[in-house]
N, C-alpha and C. Protein backbone atom coordinates (compact mmCIF):
# COMPACT_ATOMS: atom_id res chain seq x y z
N MET A 1 -15.85 23.89 28.70
CA MET A 1 -14.83 23.17 29.48
C MET A 1 -13.98 22.31 28.56
N ALA A 2 -12.67 22.43 28.66
CA ALA A 2 -11.77 21.70 27.76
C ALA A 2 -11.82 20.20 28.05
N THR A 3 -11.76 19.42 26.99
CA THR A 3 -11.75 17.98 27.13
C THR A 3 -10.37 17.52 27.60
N GLU A 4 -10.35 16.70 28.63
CA GLU A 4 -9.07 16.21 29.15
C GLU A 4 -8.44 15.24 28.17
N VAL A 5 -7.15 15.45 27.88
CA VAL A 5 -6.44 14.58 26.94
C VAL A 5 -6.04 13.30 27.65
N GLN A 6 -6.45 12.17 27.11
CA GLN A 6 -6.10 10.89 27.71
C GLN A 6 -4.64 10.54 27.37
N PRO A 7 -3.84 10.17 28.36
CA PRO A 7 -2.44 9.79 28.08
C PRO A 7 -2.37 8.57 27.17
N LEU A 8 -1.43 8.60 26.24
CA LEU A 8 -1.21 7.45 25.37
C LEU A 8 -0.35 6.43 26.11
N ARG A 9 -0.74 5.17 26.02
CA ARG A 9 0.07 4.09 26.60
C ARG A 9 1.03 3.60 25.53
N ILE A 10 2.32 3.66 25.82
CA ILE A 10 3.34 3.39 24.80
C ILE A 10 4.23 2.23 25.20
N VAL A 11 4.44 1.32 24.26
CA VAL A 11 5.46 0.29 24.40
C VAL A 11 6.69 0.78 23.66
N LEU A 12 7.84 0.68 24.30
CA LEU A 12 9.09 1.24 23.79
C LEU A 12 10.10 0.12 23.57
N ALA A 13 10.80 0.15 22.43
CA ALA A 13 11.78 -0.91 22.13
C ALA A 13 13.04 -0.34 21.50
N ASP A 14 14.18 -0.70 22.09
CA ASP A 14 15.50 -0.34 21.54
C ASP A 14 16.54 -1.19 22.24
N ASP A 15 17.56 -1.65 21.52
CA ASP A 15 18.54 -2.55 22.13
C ASP A 15 19.70 -1.81 22.78
N HIS A 16 19.67 -0.46 22.79
CA HIS A 16 20.71 0.32 23.46
C HIS A 16 20.13 0.90 24.75
N PRO A 17 20.56 0.43 25.92
CA PRO A 17 19.97 0.85 27.21
C PRO A 17 19.95 2.36 27.42
N ILE A 18 21.03 3.04 27.08
CA ILE A 18 21.10 4.49 27.29
C ILE A 18 20.09 5.21 26.41
N PHE A 19 19.99 4.77 25.15
CA PHE A 19 19.05 5.41 24.23
C PHE A 19 17.62 5.13 24.68
N LEU A 20 17.39 3.94 25.22
CA LEU A 20 16.06 3.56 25.72
C LEU A 20 15.64 4.52 26.85
N ILE A 21 16.58 4.82 27.74
CA ILE A 21 16.29 5.76 28.83
C ILE A 21 15.96 7.14 28.26
N GLY A 22 16.76 7.57 27.27
CA GLY A 22 16.53 8.87 26.65
C GLY A 22 15.17 8.96 25.98
N LEU A 23 14.79 7.91 25.28
CA LEU A 23 13.48 7.89 24.63
C LEU A 23 12.36 8.01 25.65
N LYS A 24 12.48 7.29 26.75
CA LYS A 24 11.45 7.32 27.78
C LYS A 24 11.29 8.73 28.35
N VAL A 25 12.41 9.41 28.58
CA VAL A 25 12.37 10.77 29.10
C VAL A 25 11.66 11.70 28.11
N VAL A 26 12.01 11.60 26.83
CA VAL A 26 11.39 12.44 25.80
C VAL A 26 9.89 12.18 25.73
N ILE A 27 9.51 10.90 25.77
CA ILE A 27 8.10 10.53 25.65
C ILE A 27 7.27 11.04 26.81
N GLU A 28 7.80 10.92 28.03
CA GLU A 28 6.99 11.23 29.21
C GLU A 28 7.09 12.68 29.67
N GLN A 29 7.88 13.48 28.95
CA GLN A 29 8.05 14.88 29.33
C GLN A 29 7.05 15.75 28.58
N GLY A 30 5.87 15.90 29.13
CA GLY A 30 4.89 16.83 28.57
C GLY A 30 4.19 16.36 27.32
N ASN A 31 4.17 15.05 27.05
CA ASN A 31 3.53 14.55 25.84
C ASN A 31 2.18 13.89 26.09
N HIS A 32 1.68 13.96 27.35
CA HIS A 32 0.46 13.24 27.68
C HIS A 32 0.59 11.79 27.25
N ALA A 33 1.73 11.21 27.59
CA ALA A 33 2.03 9.82 27.22
C ALA A 33 2.87 9.19 28.32
N TRP A 34 2.76 7.88 28.46
CA TRP A 34 3.58 7.19 29.44
C TRP A 34 3.95 5.81 28.91
N VAL A 35 5.14 5.37 29.28
CA VAL A 35 5.68 4.10 28.80
C VAL A 35 5.19 2.98 29.72
N VAL A 36 4.44 2.04 29.13
CA VAL A 36 3.89 0.93 29.93
C VAL A 36 4.79 -0.29 29.91
N ALA A 37 5.71 -0.36 28.93
CA ALA A 37 6.64 -1.50 28.85
C ALA A 37 7.83 -1.12 27.99
N GLN A 38 8.99 -1.72 28.30
CA GLN A 38 10.22 -1.49 27.54
C GLN A 38 10.82 -2.82 27.12
N ALA A 39 11.35 -2.86 25.91
CA ALA A 39 11.96 -4.09 25.40
C ALA A 39 13.31 -3.76 24.78
N SER A 40 14.26 -4.69 24.90
CA SER A 40 15.58 -4.51 24.30
C SER A 40 15.89 -5.58 23.25
N ALA A 41 14.90 -6.42 22.95
CA ALA A 41 15.07 -7.48 21.95
C ALA A 41 13.71 -7.81 21.34
N PRO A 42 13.70 -8.35 20.11
CA PRO A 42 12.43 -8.64 19.44
C PRO A 42 11.49 -9.54 20.24
N HIS A 43 12.03 -10.61 20.88
CA HIS A 43 11.15 -11.51 21.62
C HIS A 43 10.50 -10.82 22.82
N GLU A 44 11.24 -9.91 23.45
CA GLU A 44 10.67 -9.15 24.57
C GLU A 44 9.56 -8.23 24.06
N LEU A 45 9.81 -7.59 22.93
CA LEU A 45 8.81 -6.69 22.35
C LEU A 45 7.52 -7.44 22.03
N LEU A 46 7.64 -8.58 21.37
CA LEU A 46 6.45 -9.36 21.01
C LEU A 46 5.69 -9.82 22.24
N GLN A 47 6.42 -10.18 23.30
CA GLN A 47 5.76 -10.60 24.54
C GLN A 47 5.00 -9.44 25.19
N HIS A 48 5.62 -8.25 25.21
CA HIS A 48 4.95 -7.08 25.80
C HIS A 48 3.70 -6.72 25.01
N LEU A 49 3.78 -6.80 23.69
CA LEU A 49 2.61 -6.47 22.87
C LEU A 49 1.47 -7.45 23.14
N LYS A 50 1.83 -8.66 23.48
CA LYS A 50 0.82 -9.69 23.75
C LYS A 50 0.15 -9.47 25.10
N THR A 51 0.89 -8.91 26.06
CA THR A 51 0.36 -8.84 27.44
C THR A 51 0.02 -7.42 27.92
N GLU A 52 0.57 -6.39 27.27
CA GLU A 52 0.35 -5.03 27.74
C GLU A 52 -0.55 -4.25 26.77
N PRO A 53 -1.75 -3.87 27.18
CA PRO A 53 -2.59 -3.01 26.32
C PRO A 53 -1.85 -1.70 26.06
N CYS A 54 -1.81 -1.27 24.80
CA CYS A 54 -1.09 -0.04 24.48
C CYS A 54 -1.75 0.67 23.30
N ASP A 55 -1.41 1.95 23.17
CA ASP A 55 -1.97 2.78 22.10
C ASP A 55 -0.97 3.08 21.00
N LEU A 56 0.32 2.80 21.27
CA LEU A 56 1.37 3.17 20.33
C LEU A 56 2.64 2.38 20.61
N LEU A 57 3.31 1.97 19.55
CA LEU A 57 4.63 1.34 19.66
C LEU A 57 5.67 2.30 19.09
N VAL A 58 6.71 2.57 19.88
CA VAL A 58 7.87 3.33 19.41
C VAL A 58 9.05 2.37 19.43
N THR A 59 9.62 2.09 18.26
CA THR A 59 10.64 1.04 18.19
C THR A 59 11.81 1.41 17.30
N ASP A 60 12.96 0.92 17.68
CA ASP A 60 14.14 0.95 16.83
C ASP A 60 13.87 0.04 15.63
N PHE A 61 14.51 0.32 14.49
CA PHE A 61 14.29 -0.52 13.32
C PHE A 61 15.02 -1.85 13.42
N MET A 62 16.26 -1.81 13.95
CA MET A 62 17.06 -3.03 14.02
C MET A 62 17.47 -3.30 15.45
N MET A 63 17.08 -4.47 15.94
CA MET A 63 17.50 -4.92 17.26
C MET A 63 18.11 -6.31 17.11
N PRO A 64 19.39 -6.38 16.74
CA PRO A 64 20.02 -7.67 16.46
C PRO A 64 19.92 -8.64 17.62
N VAL A 65 19.60 -9.87 17.31
CA VAL A 65 19.60 -10.94 18.30
C VAL A 65 20.03 -12.23 17.61
N GLU A 66 21.12 -12.80 18.08
CA GLU A 66 21.71 -13.98 17.43
C GLU A 66 21.92 -13.67 15.94
N ASP A 67 21.33 -14.48 15.06
CA ASP A 67 21.51 -14.24 13.63
C ASP A 67 20.33 -13.49 13.02
N GLN A 68 19.40 -13.04 13.86
CA GLN A 68 18.19 -12.40 13.37
C GLN A 68 18.27 -10.91 13.58
N ASN A 69 18.42 -10.15 12.51
CA ASN A 69 18.41 -8.70 12.65
C ASN A 69 17.60 -8.06 11.53
N ASP A 70 16.57 -8.76 11.07
CA ASP A 70 15.74 -8.27 9.99
C ASP A 70 14.62 -7.41 10.56
N GLY A 71 14.85 -6.11 10.62
CA GLY A 71 13.86 -5.20 11.18
C GLY A 71 12.58 -5.17 10.38
N LEU A 72 12.70 -5.28 9.06
CA LEU A 72 11.51 -5.24 8.21
C LEU A 72 10.60 -6.44 8.47
N ARG A 73 11.21 -7.59 8.66
CA ARG A 73 10.42 -8.79 8.92
C ARG A 73 9.69 -8.67 10.27
N LEU A 74 10.36 -8.09 11.26
CA LEU A 74 9.73 -7.89 12.56
C LEU A 74 8.54 -6.94 12.43
N LEU A 75 8.72 -5.84 11.68
CA LEU A 75 7.63 -4.90 11.49
C LEU A 75 6.46 -5.55 10.74
N GLU A 76 6.77 -6.38 9.75
CA GLU A 76 5.72 -7.08 9.01
C GLU A 76 4.91 -7.98 9.94
N ARG A 77 5.61 -8.66 10.85
CA ARG A 77 4.91 -9.54 11.80
C ARG A 77 4.02 -8.73 12.74
N ILE A 78 4.56 -7.63 13.26
CA ILE A 78 3.77 -6.79 14.16
C ILE A 78 2.55 -6.22 13.45
N ARG A 79 2.75 -5.76 12.24
CA ARG A 79 1.64 -5.20 11.47
C ARG A 79 0.58 -6.26 11.19
N ARG A 80 1.04 -7.49 10.92
CA ARG A 80 0.10 -8.59 10.64
C ARG A 80 -0.70 -8.97 11.89
N GLU A 81 -0.02 -9.02 13.05
CA GLU A 81 -0.69 -9.46 14.28
C GLU A 81 -1.45 -8.33 14.97
N TYR A 82 -1.02 -7.08 14.73
CA TYR A 82 -1.68 -5.93 15.35
C TYR A 82 -1.93 -4.87 14.27
N PRO A 83 -2.86 -5.13 13.37
CA PRO A 83 -3.05 -4.28 12.18
C PRO A 83 -3.45 -2.84 12.47
N THR A 84 -4.05 -2.58 13.63
CA THR A 84 -4.50 -1.22 13.94
C THR A 84 -3.57 -0.47 14.89
N LEU A 85 -2.49 -1.12 15.34
CA LEU A 85 -1.58 -0.48 16.29
C LEU A 85 -0.70 0.56 15.58
N PRO A 86 -0.77 1.83 15.98
CA PRO A 86 0.14 2.83 15.39
C PRO A 86 1.58 2.51 15.76
N ILE A 87 2.48 2.72 14.80
CA ILE A 87 3.91 2.42 15.01
C ILE A 87 4.76 3.61 14.58
N ILE A 88 5.66 4.02 15.47
CA ILE A 88 6.69 5.01 15.11
C ILE A 88 8.02 4.27 15.10
N VAL A 89 8.77 4.39 14.01
CA VAL A 89 10.08 3.76 13.89
C VAL A 89 11.16 4.83 13.98
N VAL A 90 12.15 4.59 14.83
CA VAL A 90 13.33 5.46 14.90
C VAL A 90 14.52 4.64 14.42
N THR A 91 15.38 5.25 13.63
CA THR A 91 16.48 4.48 13.05
C THR A 91 17.70 5.36 12.79
N MET A 92 18.88 4.73 12.80
CA MET A 92 20.11 5.41 12.41
C MET A 92 20.38 5.23 10.93
N LEU A 93 19.62 4.35 10.27
CA LEU A 93 19.82 4.08 8.86
C LEU A 93 19.36 5.26 8.01
N ASN A 94 19.88 5.33 6.81
CA ASN A 94 19.50 6.41 5.89
C ASN A 94 19.40 5.81 4.49
N HIS A 95 18.37 4.99 4.30
CA HIS A 95 18.24 4.21 3.08
C HIS A 95 16.84 4.39 2.50
N ALA A 96 16.76 5.00 1.32
CA ALA A 96 15.46 5.31 0.73
C ALA A 96 14.61 4.05 0.50
N GLY A 97 15.25 2.96 0.08
CA GLY A 97 14.51 1.73 -0.17
C GLY A 97 13.85 1.19 1.08
N LEU A 98 14.57 1.22 2.21
CA LEU A 98 13.99 0.77 3.48
C LEU A 98 12.89 1.71 3.94
N PHE A 99 13.09 3.00 3.75
CA PHE A 99 12.05 3.96 4.11
C PHE A 99 10.77 3.68 3.33
N ARG A 100 10.93 3.43 2.02
CA ARG A 100 9.75 3.13 1.19
C ARG A 100 9.04 1.88 1.70
N ALA A 101 9.83 0.85 2.03
CA ALA A 101 9.25 -0.41 2.48
C ALA A 101 8.50 -0.23 3.80
N MET A 102 9.06 0.57 4.72
CA MET A 102 8.39 0.79 6.00
C MET A 102 7.10 1.58 5.81
N LEU A 103 7.13 2.60 4.99
CA LEU A 103 5.92 3.38 4.74
C LEU A 103 4.85 2.54 4.06
N ALA A 104 5.29 1.64 3.20
CA ALA A 104 4.33 0.76 2.52
C ALA A 104 3.62 -0.18 3.49
N LEU A 105 4.26 -0.45 4.64
CA LEU A 105 3.64 -1.30 5.67
C LEU A 105 2.61 -0.54 6.51
N GLY A 106 2.51 0.76 6.28
CA GLY A 106 1.57 1.55 7.05
C GLY A 106 2.14 2.08 8.35
N ILE A 107 3.49 2.24 8.40
CA ILE A 107 4.10 2.83 9.59
C ILE A 107 3.64 4.29 9.69
N GLN A 108 3.16 4.68 10.87
CA GLN A 108 2.61 6.04 11.00
C GLN A 108 3.66 7.10 11.30
N GLY A 109 4.84 6.70 11.77
CA GLY A 109 5.88 7.68 12.06
C GLY A 109 7.24 7.13 11.72
N LEU A 110 8.08 7.95 11.11
CA LEU A 110 9.41 7.51 10.69
C LEU A 110 10.39 8.65 10.91
N LEU A 111 11.36 8.44 11.81
CA LEU A 111 12.30 9.51 12.10
C LEU A 111 13.68 8.98 12.44
N SER A 112 14.65 9.87 12.33
CA SER A 112 16.05 9.54 12.57
C SER A 112 16.38 9.66 14.05
N LYS A 113 17.27 8.79 14.53
CA LYS A 113 17.71 8.88 15.92
C LYS A 113 18.41 10.20 16.21
N SER A 114 19.00 10.79 15.19
CA SER A 114 19.73 12.04 15.40
C SER A 114 18.81 13.21 15.72
N SER A 115 17.55 13.10 15.37
CA SER A 115 16.61 14.21 15.60
C SER A 115 15.46 13.80 16.51
N VAL A 116 15.62 12.68 17.22
CA VAL A 116 14.49 12.13 17.97
C VAL A 116 14.03 13.07 19.09
N ALA A 117 14.95 13.79 19.73
CA ALA A 117 14.57 14.66 20.84
C ALA A 117 13.62 15.76 20.39
N SER A 118 13.88 16.31 19.20
CA SER A 118 13.07 17.42 18.71
C SER A 118 11.83 16.96 17.95
N GLU A 119 11.91 15.79 17.31
CA GLU A 119 10.81 15.38 16.43
C GLU A 119 9.88 14.33 17.02
N LEU A 120 10.32 13.57 18.01
CA LEU A 120 9.45 12.54 18.57
C LEU A 120 8.17 13.12 19.20
N PRO A 121 8.26 14.21 19.98
CA PRO A 121 7.01 14.78 20.51
C PRO A 121 6.02 15.17 19.42
N THR A 122 6.53 15.73 18.31
CA THR A 122 5.65 16.09 17.19
C THR A 122 5.05 14.85 16.54
N ALA A 123 5.87 13.80 16.42
CA ALA A 123 5.38 12.56 15.84
C ALA A 123 4.28 11.95 16.69
N ILE A 124 4.47 11.96 18.01
CA ILE A 124 3.46 11.41 18.92
C ILE A 124 2.17 12.21 18.83
N ASP A 125 2.29 13.53 18.74
CA ASP A 125 1.10 14.38 18.60
C ASP A 125 0.38 14.09 17.29
N SER A 126 1.15 13.83 16.23
CA SER A 126 0.53 13.47 14.95
C SER A 126 -0.25 12.18 15.06
N ILE A 127 0.32 11.19 15.74
CA ILE A 127 -0.37 9.92 15.93
C ILE A 127 -1.67 10.14 16.70
N ARG A 128 -1.63 11.00 17.71
CA ARG A 128 -2.82 11.29 18.50
C ARG A 128 -3.95 11.83 17.62
N HIS A 129 -3.58 12.56 16.57
CA HIS A 129 -4.56 13.13 15.65
C HIS A 129 -4.73 12.29 14.38
N CYS A 130 -4.29 11.02 14.46
CA CYS A 130 -4.47 10.05 13.36
C CYS A 130 -3.79 10.51 12.07
N LYS A 131 -2.62 11.12 12.22
CA LYS A 131 -1.86 11.58 11.06
C LYS A 131 -0.50 10.87 11.00
N THR A 132 0.04 10.77 9.79
CA THR A 132 1.36 10.19 9.59
C THR A 132 2.43 11.27 9.75
N PHE A 133 3.57 10.90 10.37
CA PHE A 133 4.68 11.84 10.53
C PHE A 133 5.92 11.28 9.87
N VAL A 134 6.48 12.04 8.92
CA VAL A 134 7.74 11.66 8.27
C VAL A 134 8.75 12.77 8.55
N ALA A 135 9.86 12.41 9.19
CA ALA A 135 10.86 13.40 9.59
C ALA A 135 11.47 14.09 8.37
N ASP A 136 11.94 15.32 8.60
CA ASP A 136 12.55 16.10 7.52
C ASP A 136 13.73 15.37 6.89
N SER A 137 14.55 14.70 7.72
CA SER A 137 15.73 14.00 7.20
C SER A 137 15.31 12.83 6.29
N VAL A 138 14.20 12.17 6.64
CA VAL A 138 13.69 11.07 5.81
C VAL A 138 13.17 11.62 4.49
N LYS A 139 12.45 12.74 4.55
CA LYS A 139 11.95 13.37 3.33
C LYS A 139 13.10 13.72 2.39
N ARG A 140 14.18 14.29 2.97
CA ARG A 140 15.33 14.67 2.14
C ARG A 140 15.93 13.45 1.45
N THR A 141 16.05 12.34 2.18
CA THR A 141 16.60 11.12 1.58
C THR A 141 15.73 10.65 0.43
N LEU A 142 14.42 10.69 0.60
CA LEU A 142 13.51 10.25 -0.45
C LEU A 142 13.55 11.22 -1.63
N LEU A 143 13.69 12.51 -1.34
CA LEU A 143 13.80 13.50 -2.41
C LEU A 143 15.05 13.25 -3.24
N GLU A 144 16.17 13.02 -2.56
CA GLU A 144 17.44 12.81 -3.25
C GLU A 144 17.43 11.52 -4.06
N ALA A 145 16.60 10.55 -3.62
CA ALA A 145 16.50 9.29 -4.35
C ALA A 145 15.54 9.39 -5.53
N GLY A 146 14.94 10.56 -5.68
CA GLY A 146 14.03 10.75 -6.80
C GLY A 146 12.65 10.19 -6.55
N ASP A 147 12.29 9.98 -5.29
CA ASP A 147 10.98 9.41 -4.99
C ASP A 147 9.88 10.45 -4.92
N PHE A 148 10.26 11.71 -4.83
CA PHE A 148 9.24 12.75 -4.72
C PHE A 148 9.82 14.03 -5.27
N GLY A 149 9.08 14.70 -6.11
CA GLY A 149 9.59 15.92 -6.70
C GLY A 149 8.49 16.92 -6.96
N SER A 150 8.78 17.91 -7.77
CA SER A 150 7.81 18.97 -8.04
C SER A 150 7.11 18.77 -9.37
N ASN A 151 7.12 17.52 -9.88
CA ASN A 151 6.54 17.26 -11.20
C ASN A 151 5.06 16.90 -11.09
N THR A 152 4.35 17.54 -10.16
CA THR A 152 2.93 17.29 -10.01
C THR A 152 2.20 17.72 -11.27
N LEU A 153 1.34 16.86 -11.77
CA LEU A 153 0.64 17.14 -13.02
C LEU A 153 -0.66 17.91 -12.77
N VAL A 154 -1.32 17.66 -11.64
CA VAL A 154 -2.54 18.38 -11.30
C VAL A 154 -2.49 18.76 -9.82
N ALA A 155 -3.33 19.69 -9.41
CA ALA A 155 -3.44 20.07 -8.01
C ALA A 155 -4.43 19.13 -7.33
N PRO A 156 -4.37 19.02 -5.97
CA PRO A 156 -5.28 18.11 -5.27
C PRO A 156 -6.74 18.35 -5.59
N GLN A 157 -7.12 19.64 -5.75
CA GLN A 157 -8.53 19.95 -5.99
C GLN A 157 -8.99 19.50 -7.39
N ASP A 158 -8.03 19.13 -8.23
CA ASP A 158 -8.40 18.66 -9.58
C ASP A 158 -8.66 17.16 -9.62
N LEU A 159 -8.43 16.48 -8.52
CA LEU A 159 -8.77 15.06 -8.44
C LEU A 159 -10.28 14.91 -8.33
N SER A 160 -10.78 13.73 -8.70
CA SER A 160 -12.22 13.50 -8.53
C SER A 160 -12.54 13.41 -7.04
N PRO A 161 -13.78 13.72 -6.65
CA PRO A 161 -14.15 13.63 -5.23
C PRO A 161 -13.85 12.26 -4.63
N ARG A 162 -14.05 11.20 -5.40
CA ARG A 162 -13.81 9.86 -4.88
C ARG A 162 -12.32 9.59 -4.72
N GLU A 163 -11.50 10.08 -5.66
CA GLU A 163 -10.05 9.92 -5.53
C GLU A 163 -9.54 10.67 -4.31
N LEU A 164 -10.04 11.89 -4.11
CA LEU A 164 -9.62 12.69 -2.97
C LEU A 164 -10.05 12.04 -1.66
N GLU A 165 -11.24 11.45 -1.65
CA GLU A 165 -11.72 10.76 -0.45
C GLU A 165 -10.80 9.60 -0.10
N VAL A 166 -10.39 8.82 -1.10
CA VAL A 166 -9.50 7.69 -0.87
C VAL A 166 -8.15 8.17 -0.34
N LEU A 167 -7.61 9.25 -0.91
CA LEU A 167 -6.31 9.76 -0.44
C LEU A 167 -6.40 10.26 1.00
N ARG A 168 -7.48 10.92 1.36
CA ARG A 168 -7.63 11.41 2.74
C ARG A 168 -7.68 10.25 3.73
N LEU A 169 -8.35 9.18 3.35
CA LEU A 169 -8.45 8.01 4.23
C LEU A 169 -7.11 7.29 4.32
N LEU A 170 -6.36 7.23 3.22
CA LEU A 170 -5.02 6.66 3.25
C LEU A 170 -4.12 7.49 4.18
N ALA A 171 -4.26 8.81 4.09
CA ALA A 171 -3.46 9.71 4.92
C ALA A 171 -3.77 9.53 6.40
N ALA A 172 -5.01 9.10 6.69
CA ALA A 172 -5.40 8.87 8.09
C ALA A 172 -4.91 7.53 8.61
N GLY A 173 -4.22 6.77 7.76
CA GLY A 173 -3.62 5.51 8.20
C GLY A 173 -4.42 4.26 7.87
N HIS A 174 -5.50 4.41 7.09
CA HIS A 174 -6.32 3.24 6.75
C HIS A 174 -5.72 2.48 5.57
N SER A 175 -5.85 1.17 5.58
CA SER A 175 -5.41 0.35 4.45
C SER A 175 -6.46 0.39 3.35
N VAL A 176 -6.09 -0.08 2.16
CA VAL A 176 -7.04 -0.13 1.04
C VAL A 176 -8.25 -0.99 1.42
N GLY A 177 -8.00 -2.12 2.09
CA GLY A 177 -9.08 -3.01 2.50
C GLY A 177 -10.03 -2.34 3.48
N ALA A 178 -9.46 -1.62 4.47
CA ALA A 178 -10.29 -0.94 5.47
C ALA A 178 -11.11 0.18 4.83
N ILE A 179 -10.49 0.87 3.86
CA ILE A 179 -11.21 1.95 3.17
C ILE A 179 -12.38 1.37 2.39
N ALA A 180 -12.15 0.25 1.72
CA ALA A 180 -13.21 -0.39 0.94
C ALA A 180 -14.41 -0.72 1.81
N LEU A 181 -14.16 -1.25 3.00
CA LEU A 181 -15.25 -1.57 3.93
C LEU A 181 -15.96 -0.31 4.40
N GLN A 182 -15.18 0.74 4.67
CA GLN A 182 -15.75 1.96 5.24
C GLN A 182 -16.64 2.69 4.26
N ILE A 183 -16.25 2.71 2.98
CA ILE A 183 -17.02 3.50 2.00
C ILE A 183 -17.81 2.62 1.03
N SER A 184 -17.88 1.32 1.37
CA SER A 184 -18.71 0.37 0.60
C SER A 184 -18.34 0.31 -0.88
N ARG A 185 -17.04 0.17 -1.13
CA ARG A 185 -16.56 -0.08 -2.48
C ARG A 185 -15.68 -1.32 -2.45
N SER A 186 -15.44 -1.91 -3.60
CA SER A 186 -14.56 -3.07 -3.64
C SER A 186 -13.11 -2.64 -3.47
N LYS A 187 -12.26 -3.56 -2.99
CA LYS A 187 -10.84 -3.27 -2.86
C LYS A 187 -10.24 -2.90 -4.21
N GLN A 188 -10.71 -3.56 -5.26
CA GLN A 188 -10.20 -3.28 -6.60
C GLN A 188 -10.51 -1.84 -7.01
N THR A 189 -11.73 -1.38 -6.69
CA THR A 189 -12.13 -0.01 -7.04
C THR A 189 -11.30 1.01 -6.27
N VAL A 190 -11.14 0.78 -4.95
CA VAL A 190 -10.35 1.70 -4.12
C VAL A 190 -8.90 1.73 -4.60
N SER A 191 -8.34 0.56 -4.89
CA SER A 191 -6.96 0.49 -5.38
C SER A 191 -6.82 1.24 -6.71
N ALA A 192 -7.80 1.08 -7.59
CA ALA A 192 -7.76 1.76 -8.89
C ALA A 192 -7.84 3.27 -8.71
N GLN A 193 -8.65 3.73 -7.77
CA GLN A 193 -8.77 5.17 -7.52
C GLN A 193 -7.50 5.73 -6.91
N LYS A 194 -6.86 4.95 -6.06
CA LYS A 194 -5.57 5.37 -5.50
C LYS A 194 -4.53 5.50 -6.61
N ILE A 195 -4.43 4.48 -7.45
CA ILE A 195 -3.44 4.49 -8.54
C ILE A 195 -3.72 5.63 -9.51
N SER A 196 -5.00 5.86 -9.81
CA SER A 196 -5.36 6.95 -10.72
C SER A 196 -4.95 8.30 -10.16
N ALA A 197 -5.20 8.49 -8.86
CA ALA A 197 -4.83 9.75 -8.22
C ALA A 197 -3.32 9.95 -8.23
N MET A 198 -2.57 8.89 -7.93
CA MET A 198 -1.11 9.00 -7.92
C MET A 198 -0.58 9.32 -9.31
N ARG A 199 -1.18 8.71 -10.32
CA ARG A 199 -0.74 8.97 -11.70
C ARG A 199 -1.00 10.44 -12.07
N LYS A 200 -2.15 10.96 -11.70
CA LYS A 200 -2.47 12.35 -12.00
C LYS A 200 -1.53 13.31 -11.27
N LEU A 201 -1.11 12.92 -10.06
CA LEU A 201 -0.25 13.78 -9.24
C LEU A 201 1.23 13.60 -9.58
N GLY A 202 1.56 12.63 -10.43
CA GLY A 202 2.95 12.39 -10.80
C GLY A 202 3.75 11.72 -9.72
N LEU A 203 3.08 10.88 -8.89
CA LEU A 203 3.73 10.19 -7.77
C LEU A 203 3.95 8.73 -8.14
N SER A 204 5.17 8.23 -7.85
CA SER A 204 5.53 6.90 -8.34
C SER A 204 5.37 5.78 -7.32
N ASN A 205 5.26 6.12 -6.03
CA ASN A 205 5.17 5.06 -5.02
C ASN A 205 4.52 5.58 -3.75
N ASP A 206 4.30 4.68 -2.78
CA ASP A 206 3.59 5.05 -1.55
C ASP A 206 4.35 6.07 -0.72
N ALA A 207 5.68 5.97 -0.70
CA ALA A 207 6.47 6.93 0.07
C ALA A 207 6.25 8.34 -0.47
N ALA A 208 6.28 8.48 -1.78
CA ALA A 208 6.03 9.78 -2.40
C ALA A 208 4.62 10.27 -2.08
N LEU A 209 3.67 9.35 -2.07
CA LEU A 209 2.29 9.71 -1.77
C LEU A 209 2.15 10.24 -0.35
N PHE A 210 2.74 9.55 0.64
CA PHE A 210 2.64 10.00 2.03
C PHE A 210 3.26 11.39 2.20
N ILE A 211 4.40 11.62 1.58
CA ILE A 211 5.04 12.93 1.68
C ILE A 211 4.17 14.00 1.03
N TYR A 212 3.62 13.69 -0.12
CA TYR A 212 2.74 14.63 -0.83
C TYR A 212 1.54 15.01 0.05
N LEU A 213 0.93 14.03 0.68
CA LEU A 213 -0.24 14.28 1.52
C LEU A 213 0.12 15.18 2.70
N GLN A 214 1.31 14.97 3.26
CA GLN A 214 1.76 15.82 4.36
C GLN A 214 2.00 17.26 3.87
N GLU A 215 2.71 17.37 2.76
CA GLU A 215 3.08 18.68 2.26
C GLU A 215 1.87 19.53 1.88
N HIS A 216 0.77 18.87 1.49
CA HIS A 216 -0.42 19.59 1.04
C HIS A 216 -1.53 19.61 2.09
N GLY A 217 -1.17 19.28 3.33
CA GLY A 217 -2.13 19.38 4.42
C GLY A 217 -3.25 18.38 4.37
N LEU A 218 -3.06 17.28 3.65
CA LEU A 218 -4.11 16.26 3.56
C LEU A 218 -3.93 15.19 4.62
N ALA A 219 -2.74 15.12 5.21
CA ALA A 219 -2.47 14.12 6.24
C ALA A 219 -2.61 14.71 7.63
């Protein structure tokens, strides 16, 4: 007997009312997901997160309010206050530096508003399976910025078992600190194994690492 898929409870945030409606339709159309709250400003989003139990946040990167339009700072606050909450970011921006910064915060999904109808269902399914989703358009931007290339020095199977274990756990969305607790190693040791693996693979930053893990079926 097949196991029934539990619907994901999603908090949705975007400051454009029409786009917010569109996102809700995409999310609730055959995704085993439902929107439990909607926000059009950062303060509304933070209030909903405080009062509405949810399994996933889908949010626009920038929701200007008065003089505050720092999307990265908002994401940092959410990640700090809700460290285990999966987050999918949708954005009209196309900036490799911002993409790197968001991925470094442990964002589980990153996609462009131009492709949200086709890619958001896939991103939500990836979150359900504890995997990171990076849209093709984001990958292209990072590729063009020189953040990821074909200069891999070794294949994944040539990494040490411990390095590969750390990369698999990173791909599942765990932080270095969480991995250290899970496998009973110090944060310094886990961090060193991550850096060693990236050096062997010819990867220069976390964004390149996440893309590499996806491309090689490790995420």
